[in-house]
C-alpha cells in the first residue's frame, strides 16, 4: 500500500543531505585529485589552519565528524607532514595538533579554488538572496541545535 503523505524527494533533511553530498563530491575534485586529500582530511586541515593549536576533541566538534574519522585524518595529515602533534604545555595528558608550514602552503593553494567553487555555486543568486540564504541557514542551524541540544562548532568563535 502506497502512502501519499510522505515523499522523500520533498523531505528537507533528505534534500539538504543530497545537496551537501553533491557539493562535497564536486569540491573534493579540488583537494582530492591534486592533493590526495579525503573530505575529512580537508576539513581537518582547513580548521586547524585557522587555529594555533587544537585538540582532537576540538577538531571533532568543529568538523562534525566522529572521533575515529578525525583520528584517521589527523594521522594521515601528520604522516604527510601537513600537521604536527605535541603535548599540551598546560595539561600533559592532552595532545595538541597544529598545522605545519607545508600544511599551510597546501591549505593556501586549495582555499582559493574552494572559494572559487563557492562563488560559482552562489553566482546565480543576487547579493540580497545570498544574504537571505545565509540568514536562513543560520536560523535553520539554530533550530536544529536547539532541538538536538548540540551547538554547531562552526558558529563558535575560534
N, C-alpha and C. Protein backbone atom coordinates (compact mmCIF):
# COMPACT_ATOMS: atom_id res chain seq x y z
N UNK A 1 0.84 -1.17 0.00
CA UNK A 1 0.00 0.00 0.00
C UNK A 1 0.90 1.24 0.00
N UNK A 2 0.63 2.15 -0.92
CA UNK A 2 1.42 3.38 -1.05
C UNK A 2 0.92 4.44 -0.08
N UNK A 3 1.84 5.27 0.36
CA UNK A 3 1.48 6.36 1.24
C UNK A 3 1.67 7.68 0.51
N UNK A 4 0.65 8.50 0.52
CA UNK A 4 0.71 9.79 -0.16
C UNK A 4 1.15 10.94 0.75
N UNK A 5 1.29 10.66 2.04
CA UNK A 5 1.58 11.74 2.97
C UNK A 5 3.09 11.94 3.23
N UNK A 6 3.94 11.14 2.61
CA UNK A 6 5.37 11.33 2.78
C UNK A 6 6.07 11.08 1.45
N UNK A 7 6.79 12.09 0.99
CA UNK A 7 7.56 11.98 -0.25
C UNK A 7 9.01 12.33 0.09
N UNK A 8 9.86 11.34 0.06
CA UNK A 8 11.26 11.53 0.43
C UNK A 8 11.90 12.65 -0.39
N UNK A 9 11.57 12.75 -1.65
CA UNK A 9 12.17 13.77 -2.52
C UNK A 9 11.84 15.19 -2.08
N UNK A 10 10.77 15.37 -1.34
CA UNK A 10 10.38 16.69 -0.84
C UNK A 10 10.79 16.92 0.61
N UNK A 11 11.36 15.92 1.27
CA UNK A 11 11.70 15.96 2.69
C UNK A 11 12.98 16.77 2.88
N UNK A 12 12.90 17.87 3.63
CA UNK A 12 14.02 18.80 3.77
C UNK A 12 15.33 18.13 4.19
N UNK A 13 15.36 17.30 5.23
CA UNK A 13 16.64 16.66 5.59
C UNK A 13 17.24 15.86 4.43
N UNK A 14 16.42 15.18 3.68
CA UNK A 14 16.90 14.41 2.53
C UNK A 14 17.47 15.36 1.46
N UNK A 15 16.73 16.41 1.15
CA UNK A 15 17.18 17.35 0.12
C UNK A 15 18.51 18.00 0.51
N UNK A 16 18.64 18.40 1.77
CA UNK A 16 19.89 19.00 2.23
C UNK A 16 21.04 18.00 2.19
N UNK A 17 20.76 16.76 2.57
CA UNK A 17 21.78 15.72 2.55
C UNK A 17 22.27 15.45 1.13
N UNK A 18 21.34 15.33 0.19
CA UNK A 18 21.70 15.08 -1.21
C UNK A 18 22.50 16.26 -1.76
N UNK A 19 22.05 17.46 -1.49
CA UNK A 19 22.76 18.65 -1.96
C UNK A 19 24.16 18.72 -1.38
N UNK A 20 24.29 18.48 -0.07
CA UNK A 20 25.60 18.52 0.58
C UNK A 20 26.52 17.45 -0.01
N UNK A 21 26.00 16.27 -0.25
CA UNK A 21 26.81 15.19 -0.82
C UNK A 21 27.28 15.55 -2.23
N UNK A 22 26.41 16.14 -3.02
CA UNK A 22 26.78 16.52 -4.39
C UNK A 22 27.84 17.63 -4.37
N UNK A 23 27.64 18.60 -3.49
CA UNK A 23 28.61 19.70 -3.40
C UNK A 23 29.96 19.18 -2.90
N UNK A 24 29.94 18.31 -1.90
CA UNK A 24 31.19 17.75 -1.38
C UNK A 24 31.91 16.94 -2.44
N UNK A 25 31.15 16.18 -3.22
CA UNK A 25 31.76 15.37 -4.27
C UNK A 25 32.44 16.26 -5.32
N UNK A 26 31.76 17.32 -5.71
CA UNK A 26 32.33 18.23 -6.70
C UNK A 26 33.55 18.96 -6.12
N UNK A 27 33.45 19.44 -4.89
CA UNK A 27 34.55 20.14 -4.26
C UNK A 27 35.74 19.22 -4.00
N UNK A 28 35.46 17.94 -3.77
CA UNK A 28 36.56 17.01 -3.48
C UNK A 28 37.52 16.87 -4.65
N UNK A 29 37.08 17.22 -5.84
CA UNK A 29 37.98 17.20 -7.00
C UNK A 29 39.10 18.22 -6.81
N UNK A 30 38.79 19.32 -6.13
CA UNK A 30 39.78 20.38 -5.90
C UNK A 30 40.89 19.87 -4.99
N UNK A 31 40.53 19.30 -3.84
CA UNK A 31 41.56 18.88 -2.89
C UNK A 31 41.92 17.41 -3.03
N UNK A 32 41.08 16.62 -3.65
CA UNK A 32 41.35 15.19 -3.78
C UNK A 32 42.26 14.85 -4.94
N UNK A 33 41.92 15.34 -6.11
CA UNK A 33 42.69 14.98 -7.31
C UNK A 33 44.12 15.50 -7.26
N UNK A 34 44.30 16.72 -6.85
CA UNK A 34 45.62 17.34 -6.84
C UNK A 34 46.43 17.00 -5.59
N UNK A 35 45.78 16.97 -4.45
CA UNK A 35 46.50 16.83 -3.18
C UNK A 35 46.28 15.50 -2.49
N UNK A 36 45.40 14.67 -3.02
CA UNK A 36 45.16 13.35 -2.45
C UNK A 36 44.48 13.36 -1.09
N UNK A 37 43.77 14.43 -0.79
CA UNK A 37 43.09 14.54 0.50
C UNK A 37 41.65 14.04 0.40
N UNK A 38 41.21 13.37 1.45
CA UNK A 38 39.81 12.98 1.56
C UNK A 38 39.02 14.15 2.13
N UNK A 39 37.71 14.07 2.10
CA UNK A 39 36.88 15.13 2.67
C UNK A 39 37.19 15.35 4.15
N UNK A 40 37.26 14.29 4.98
CA UNK A 40 37.61 14.54 6.39
C UNK A 40 38.99 15.18 6.56
N UNK A 41 39.95 14.79 5.73
CA UNK A 41 41.30 15.37 5.82
C UNK A 41 41.27 16.85 5.45
N UNK A 42 40.55 17.19 4.41
CA UNK A 42 40.43 18.60 4.01
C UNK A 42 39.78 19.41 5.13
N UNK A 43 38.71 18.89 5.70
CA UNK A 43 38.01 19.62 6.76
C UNK A 43 38.92 19.83 7.97
N UNK A 44 39.65 18.79 8.35
CA UNK A 44 40.56 18.90 9.49
C UNK A 44 41.65 19.93 9.18
N UNK A 45 42.27 19.82 8.02
CA UNK A 45 43.32 20.76 7.64
C UNK A 45 42.80 22.19 7.65
N UNK A 46 41.63 22.41 7.07
CA UNK A 46 41.06 23.76 7.00
C UNK A 46 40.80 24.34 8.38
N UNK A 47 40.29 23.52 9.29
CA UNK A 47 40.00 24.02 10.64
C UNK A 47 41.29 24.28 11.42
N UNK A 48 42.24 23.38 11.34
CA UNK A 48 43.48 23.55 12.09
C UNK A 48 44.28 24.73 11.53
N UNK A 49 44.19 24.97 10.23
CA UNK A 49 44.92 26.08 9.61
C UNK A 49 44.45 27.43 10.15
N UNK A 50 43.26 27.48 10.69
CA UNK A 50 42.74 28.74 11.24
C UNK A 50 42.97 28.88 12.74
N UNK A 51 43.57 27.92 13.33
CA UNK A 51 43.81 27.96 14.78
C UNK A 51 45.28 27.73 15.05
N UNK A 52 45.75 28.22 16.16
CA UNK A 52 47.15 28.00 16.50
C UNK A 52 47.37 26.53 16.84
N UNK A 53 46.56 26.02 17.77
CA UNK A 53 46.63 24.61 18.15
C UNK A 53 45.22 24.15 18.52
N UNK A 54 44.95 22.87 18.28
CA UNK A 54 43.63 22.31 18.60
C UNK A 54 43.81 20.90 19.14
N UNK A 55 42.92 20.50 20.02
CA UNK A 55 42.89 19.11 20.46
C UNK A 55 42.06 18.31 19.48
N UNK A 56 42.19 17.00 19.53
CA UNK A 56 41.38 16.14 18.66
C UNK A 56 39.90 16.38 18.94
N UNK A 57 39.54 16.56 20.21
CA UNK A 57 38.14 16.81 20.57
C UNK A 57 37.64 18.11 19.94
N UNK A 58 38.46 19.17 19.99
CA UNK A 58 38.06 20.44 19.38
C UNK A 58 37.91 20.29 17.87
N UNK A 59 38.80 19.53 17.26
CA UNK A 59 38.69 19.29 15.82
C UNK A 59 37.41 18.53 15.53
N UNK A 60 37.16 17.47 16.29
CA UNK A 60 35.96 16.66 16.09
C UNK A 60 34.71 17.52 16.18
N UNK A 61 34.63 18.38 17.17
CA UNK A 61 33.47 19.25 17.33
C UNK A 61 33.36 20.25 16.19
N UNK A 62 34.48 20.72 15.68
CA UNK A 62 34.48 21.72 14.61
C UNK A 62 34.07 21.15 13.26
N UNK A 63 34.49 19.93 12.97
CA UNK A 63 34.24 19.36 11.64
C UNK A 63 33.04 18.44 11.60
N UNK A 64 32.40 18.23 12.75
CA UNK A 64 31.21 17.38 12.83
C UNK A 64 31.45 15.98 12.26
N UNK A 65 32.56 15.39 12.67
CA UNK A 65 32.88 14.02 12.29
C UNK A 65 33.09 13.20 13.55
N UNK A 66 32.96 11.89 13.44
CA UNK A 66 33.18 11.05 14.61
C UNK A 66 34.68 10.97 14.93
N UNK A 67 34.97 10.55 16.16
CA UNK A 67 36.35 10.52 16.64
C UNK A 67 37.27 9.65 15.77
N UNK A 68 36.85 8.44 15.36
CA UNK A 68 37.74 7.64 14.51
C UNK A 68 38.08 8.32 13.17
N UNK A 69 37.10 8.99 12.57
CA UNK A 69 37.36 9.69 11.30
C UNK A 69 38.36 10.82 11.49
N UNK A 70 38.20 11.56 12.59
CA UNK A 70 39.14 12.65 12.87
C UNK A 70 40.53 12.09 13.16
N UNK A 71 40.60 11.03 13.95
CA UNK A 71 41.90 10.43 14.29
C UNK A 71 42.61 9.93 13.04
N UNK A 72 41.88 9.27 12.14
CA UNK A 72 42.48 8.79 10.89
C UNK A 72 42.98 9.96 10.04
N UNK A 73 42.14 11.01 9.95
CA UNK A 73 42.53 12.18 9.15
C UNK A 73 43.78 12.84 9.73
N UNK A 74 43.81 13.03 11.04
CA UNK A 74 44.97 13.65 11.69
C UNK A 74 46.22 12.80 11.44
N UNK A 75 46.09 11.48 11.60
CA UNK A 75 47.25 10.60 11.39
C UNK A 75 47.78 10.70 9.97
N UNK A 76 46.89 10.67 8.99
CA UNK A 76 47.34 10.75 7.60
C UNK A 76 47.97 12.11 7.31
N UNK A 77 47.36 13.18 7.83
CA UNK A 77 47.91 14.51 7.61
C UNK A 77 49.26 14.68 8.30
N UNK A 78 49.41 14.05 9.46
CA UNK A 78 50.70 14.09 10.17
C UNK A 78 51.76 13.34 9.37
N UNK A 79 51.42 12.16 8.86
CA UNK A 79 52.37 11.38 8.06
C UNK A 79 52.79 12.12 6.79
N UNK A 80 51.86 12.92 6.25
CA UNK A 80 52.16 13.69 5.04
C UNK A 80 52.93 14.97 5.36
N UNK A 81 53.13 15.24 6.65
CA UNK A 81 53.87 16.44 7.05
C UNK A 81 53.04 17.71 7.04
N UNK A 82 51.70 17.56 7.00
CA UNK A 82 50.84 18.73 6.96
C UNK A 82 50.40 19.20 8.35
N UNK A 83 50.39 18.28 9.31
CA UNK A 83 50.06 18.58 10.69
C UNK A 83 51.15 18.02 11.59
N UNK A 84 51.25 18.57 12.79
CA UNK A 84 52.20 18.07 13.79
C UNK A 84 51.49 17.95 15.12
N UNK A 85 51.86 16.93 15.89
CA UNK A 85 51.30 16.73 17.23
C UNK A 85 52.33 17.14 18.27
N UNK A 86 51.84 17.66 19.39
CA UNK A 86 52.71 17.98 20.52
C UNK A 86 51.91 17.82 21.80
N UNK A 87 52.61 17.69 22.90
CA UNK A 87 51.97 17.57 24.21
C UNK A 87 51.59 18.97 24.69
N UNK A 88 50.39 19.11 25.19
CA UNK A 88 49.90 20.38 25.70
C UNK A 88 50.73 20.81 26.91
N UNK A 89 51.21 22.03 26.89
CA UNK A 89 52.04 22.52 28.00
C UNK A 89 51.23 22.73 29.27
N UNK A 90 49.93 23.01 29.14
CA UNK A 90 49.07 23.23 30.30
C UNK A 90 48.60 21.93 30.93
N UNK A 91 48.41 20.91 30.11
CA UNK A 91 47.90 19.62 30.59
C UNK A 91 48.61 18.52 29.80
N UNK A 92 49.57 17.88 30.42
CA UNK A 92 50.41 16.90 29.73
C UNK A 92 49.65 15.65 29.29
N UNK A 93 48.40 15.53 29.67
CA UNK A 93 47.58 14.38 29.22
C UNK A 93 47.01 14.64 27.83
N UNK A 94 47.00 15.89 27.40
CA UNK A 94 46.38 16.26 26.13
C UNK A 94 47.41 16.39 25.01
N UNK A 95 46.98 16.02 23.82
CA UNK A 95 47.80 16.18 22.62
C UNK A 95 47.20 17.33 21.83
N UNK A 96 48.05 18.23 21.37
CA UNK A 96 47.61 19.34 20.54
C UNK A 96 48.06 19.12 19.10
N UNK A 97 47.24 19.57 18.20
CA UNK A 97 47.51 19.43 16.77
C UNK A 97 47.70 20.84 16.21
N UNK A 98 48.72 21.00 15.38
CA UNK A 98 48.92 22.29 14.72
C UNK A 98 49.34 22.07 13.28
N UNK A 99 49.07 23.06 12.46
CA UNK A 99 49.42 22.97 11.05
C UNK A 99 50.91 23.28 10.89
N UNK A 100 51.55 22.58 9.97
CA UNK A 100 52.96 22.83 9.66
C UNK A 100 53.04 23.86 8.53
N UNK A 101 54.25 24.31 8.25
CA UNK A 101 54.44 25.23 7.12
C UNK A 101 53.95 24.58 5.82
N UNK A 102 54.30 23.31 5.64
CA UNK A 102 53.86 22.58 4.44
C UNK A 102 52.34 22.50 4.40
N UNK A 103 51.73 22.24 5.54
CA UNK A 103 50.27 22.18 5.61
C UNK A 103 49.62 23.50 5.28
N UNK A 104 50.23 24.58 5.77
CA UNK A 104 49.71 25.91 5.49
C UNK A 104 49.83 26.24 4.01
N UNK A 105 50.94 25.82 3.40
CA UNK A 105 51.11 26.03 1.95
C UNK A 105 50.02 25.31 1.17
N UNK A 106 49.78 24.05 1.53
CA UNK A 106 48.74 23.27 0.84
C UNK A 106 47.38 23.92 1.04
N UNK A 107 47.09 24.32 2.27
CA UNK A 107 45.81 24.98 2.55
C UNK A 107 45.66 26.23 1.69
N UNK A 108 46.72 27.05 1.61
CA UNK A 108 46.65 28.30 0.85
C UNK A 108 46.57 28.06 -0.66
N UNK A 109 46.95 26.89 -1.11
CA UNK A 109 46.78 26.55 -2.52
C UNK A 109 45.35 26.08 -2.81
N UNK A 110 44.75 25.37 -1.86
CA UNK A 110 43.41 24.83 -2.04
C UNK A 110 42.33 25.89 -1.81
N UNK A 111 42.51 26.72 -0.79
CA UNK A 111 41.48 27.68 -0.37
C UNK A 111 40.95 28.55 -1.51
N UNK A 112 41.81 29.14 -2.36
CA UNK A 112 41.26 29.97 -3.44
C UNK A 112 40.37 29.17 -4.41
N UNK A 113 40.76 27.93 -4.68
CA UNK A 113 39.93 27.09 -5.56
C UNK A 113 38.60 26.74 -4.89
N UNK A 114 38.64 26.48 -3.58
CA UNK A 114 37.40 26.19 -2.85
C UNK A 114 36.50 27.42 -2.85
N UNK A 115 37.08 28.59 -2.65
CA UNK A 115 36.29 29.82 -2.66
C UNK A 115 35.73 30.11 -4.06
N UNK A 116 36.49 29.78 -5.09
CA UNK A 116 36.01 29.97 -6.46
C UNK A 116 34.83 29.03 -6.73
N UNK A 117 34.91 27.80 -6.22
CA UNK A 117 33.79 26.86 -6.35
C UNK A 117 32.56 27.43 -5.66
N UNK A 118 32.74 27.93 -4.44
CA UNK A 118 31.61 28.52 -3.72
C UNK A 118 31.02 29.70 -4.49
N UNK A 119 31.88 30.56 -5.02
CA UNK A 119 31.42 31.72 -5.77
C UNK A 119 30.63 31.29 -7.01
N UNK A 120 31.10 30.25 -7.69
CA UNK A 120 30.39 29.76 -8.87
C UNK A 120 29.01 29.22 -8.49
N UNK A 121 28.94 28.51 -7.38
CA UNK A 121 27.66 27.96 -6.91
C UNK A 121 26.70 29.10 -6.58
N UNK A 122 27.21 30.13 -5.95
CA UNK A 122 26.35 31.24 -5.50
C UNK A 122 26.12 32.30 -6.57
N UNK A 123 26.78 32.17 -7.71
CA UNK A 123 26.71 33.22 -8.74
C UNK A 123 25.31 33.43 -9.31
N UNK A 124 24.44 32.45 -9.20
CA UNK A 124 23.09 32.62 -9.73
C UNK A 124 22.17 33.35 -8.74
N UNK A 125 22.69 33.71 -7.58
CA UNK A 125 21.93 34.44 -6.58
C UNK A 125 22.37 35.90 -6.55
N UNK A 126 21.44 36.78 -6.29
CA UNK A 126 21.80 38.18 -6.09
C UNK A 126 22.45 38.32 -4.72
N UNK A 127 23.05 39.48 -4.46
CA UNK A 127 23.66 39.72 -3.14
C UNK A 127 22.60 39.60 -2.05
N UNK A 128 21.42 40.11 -2.30
CA UNK A 128 20.33 40.03 -1.32
C UNK A 128 19.94 38.57 -1.08
N UNK A 129 19.85 37.79 -2.13
CA UNK A 129 19.49 36.37 -1.99
C UNK A 129 20.58 35.59 -1.25
N UNK A 130 21.85 35.92 -1.51
CA UNK A 130 22.94 35.26 -0.78
C UNK A 130 22.85 35.56 0.71
N UNK A 131 22.53 36.80 1.05
CA UNK A 131 22.37 37.17 2.45
C UNK A 131 21.17 36.45 3.06
N UNK A 132 20.08 36.37 2.30
CA UNK A 132 18.90 35.64 2.79
C UNK A 132 19.22 34.17 3.01
N UNK A 133 19.94 33.58 2.07
CA UNK A 133 20.33 32.18 2.20
C UNK A 133 21.17 31.98 3.45
N UNK A 134 22.14 32.85 3.66
CA UNK A 134 22.98 32.76 4.85
C UNK A 134 22.15 32.90 6.12
N UNK A 135 21.24 33.87 6.13
CA UNK A 135 20.37 34.07 7.30
C UNK A 135 19.50 32.84 7.55
N UNK A 136 18.93 32.29 6.49
CA UNK A 136 18.06 31.12 6.64
C UNK A 136 18.85 29.90 7.12
N UNK A 137 20.04 29.69 6.58
CA UNK A 137 20.86 28.57 7.02
C UNK A 137 21.25 28.72 8.49
N UNK A 138 21.58 29.94 8.89
CA UNK A 138 21.92 30.21 10.29
C UNK A 138 20.72 29.92 11.20
N UNK A 139 19.55 30.37 10.79
CA UNK A 139 18.34 30.09 11.58
C UNK A 139 18.05 28.61 11.64
N UNK A 140 18.17 27.95 10.51
CA UNK A 140 17.91 26.50 10.45
C UNK A 140 18.88 25.76 11.36
N UNK A 141 20.16 26.15 11.33
CA UNK A 141 21.15 25.53 12.22
C UNK A 141 20.78 25.76 13.67
N UNK A 142 20.31 26.94 13.99
CA UNK A 142 19.90 27.25 15.36
C UNK A 142 18.74 26.39 15.82
N UNK A 143 17.76 26.20 14.95
CA UNK A 143 16.61 25.36 15.29
C UNK A 143 17.05 23.92 15.52
N UNK A 144 17.89 23.40 14.64
CA UNK A 144 18.38 22.03 14.78
C UNK A 144 19.20 21.89 16.06
N UNK A 145 20.09 22.86 16.31
CA UNK A 145 20.89 22.82 17.53
C UNK A 145 20.01 22.82 18.77
N UNK A 146 18.99 23.64 18.75
CA UNK A 146 18.07 23.73 19.90
C UNK A 146 17.35 22.40 20.12
N UNK A 147 16.91 21.78 19.05
CA UNK A 147 16.17 20.52 19.16
C UNK A 147 17.05 19.35 19.57
N UNK A 148 18.31 19.39 19.16
CA UNK A 148 19.22 18.28 19.48
C UNK A 148 20.04 18.54 20.72
N UNK A 149 20.03 19.77 21.20
CA UNK A 149 20.84 20.11 22.37
C UNK A 149 22.31 20.25 22.04
N UNK A 150 22.63 20.34 20.77
CA UNK A 150 24.02 20.49 20.32
C UNK A 150 24.23 21.90 19.82
N UNK A 151 25.48 22.29 19.77
CA UNK A 151 25.83 23.59 19.21
C UNK A 151 26.82 23.33 18.09
N UNK A 152 26.54 23.89 16.94
CA UNK A 152 27.43 23.73 15.80
C UNK A 152 28.71 24.49 16.07
N UNK A 153 29.83 23.78 16.10
CA UNK A 153 31.12 24.42 16.41
C UNK A 153 31.52 25.41 15.33
N UNK A 154 30.97 25.27 14.13
CA UNK A 154 31.28 26.21 13.05
C UNK A 154 30.85 27.62 13.46
N UNK A 155 29.80 27.71 14.28
CA UNK A 155 29.31 29.01 14.71
C UNK A 155 30.07 29.56 15.90
N UNK A 156 30.92 28.77 16.49
CA UNK A 156 31.64 29.19 17.68
C UNK A 156 32.88 29.99 17.28
N UNK A 157 33.24 30.98 18.07
CA UNK A 157 34.45 31.75 17.76
C UNK A 157 35.69 30.89 17.89
N UNK A 158 36.70 31.20 17.08
CA UNK A 158 37.95 30.44 17.10
C UNK A 158 38.83 30.84 18.23
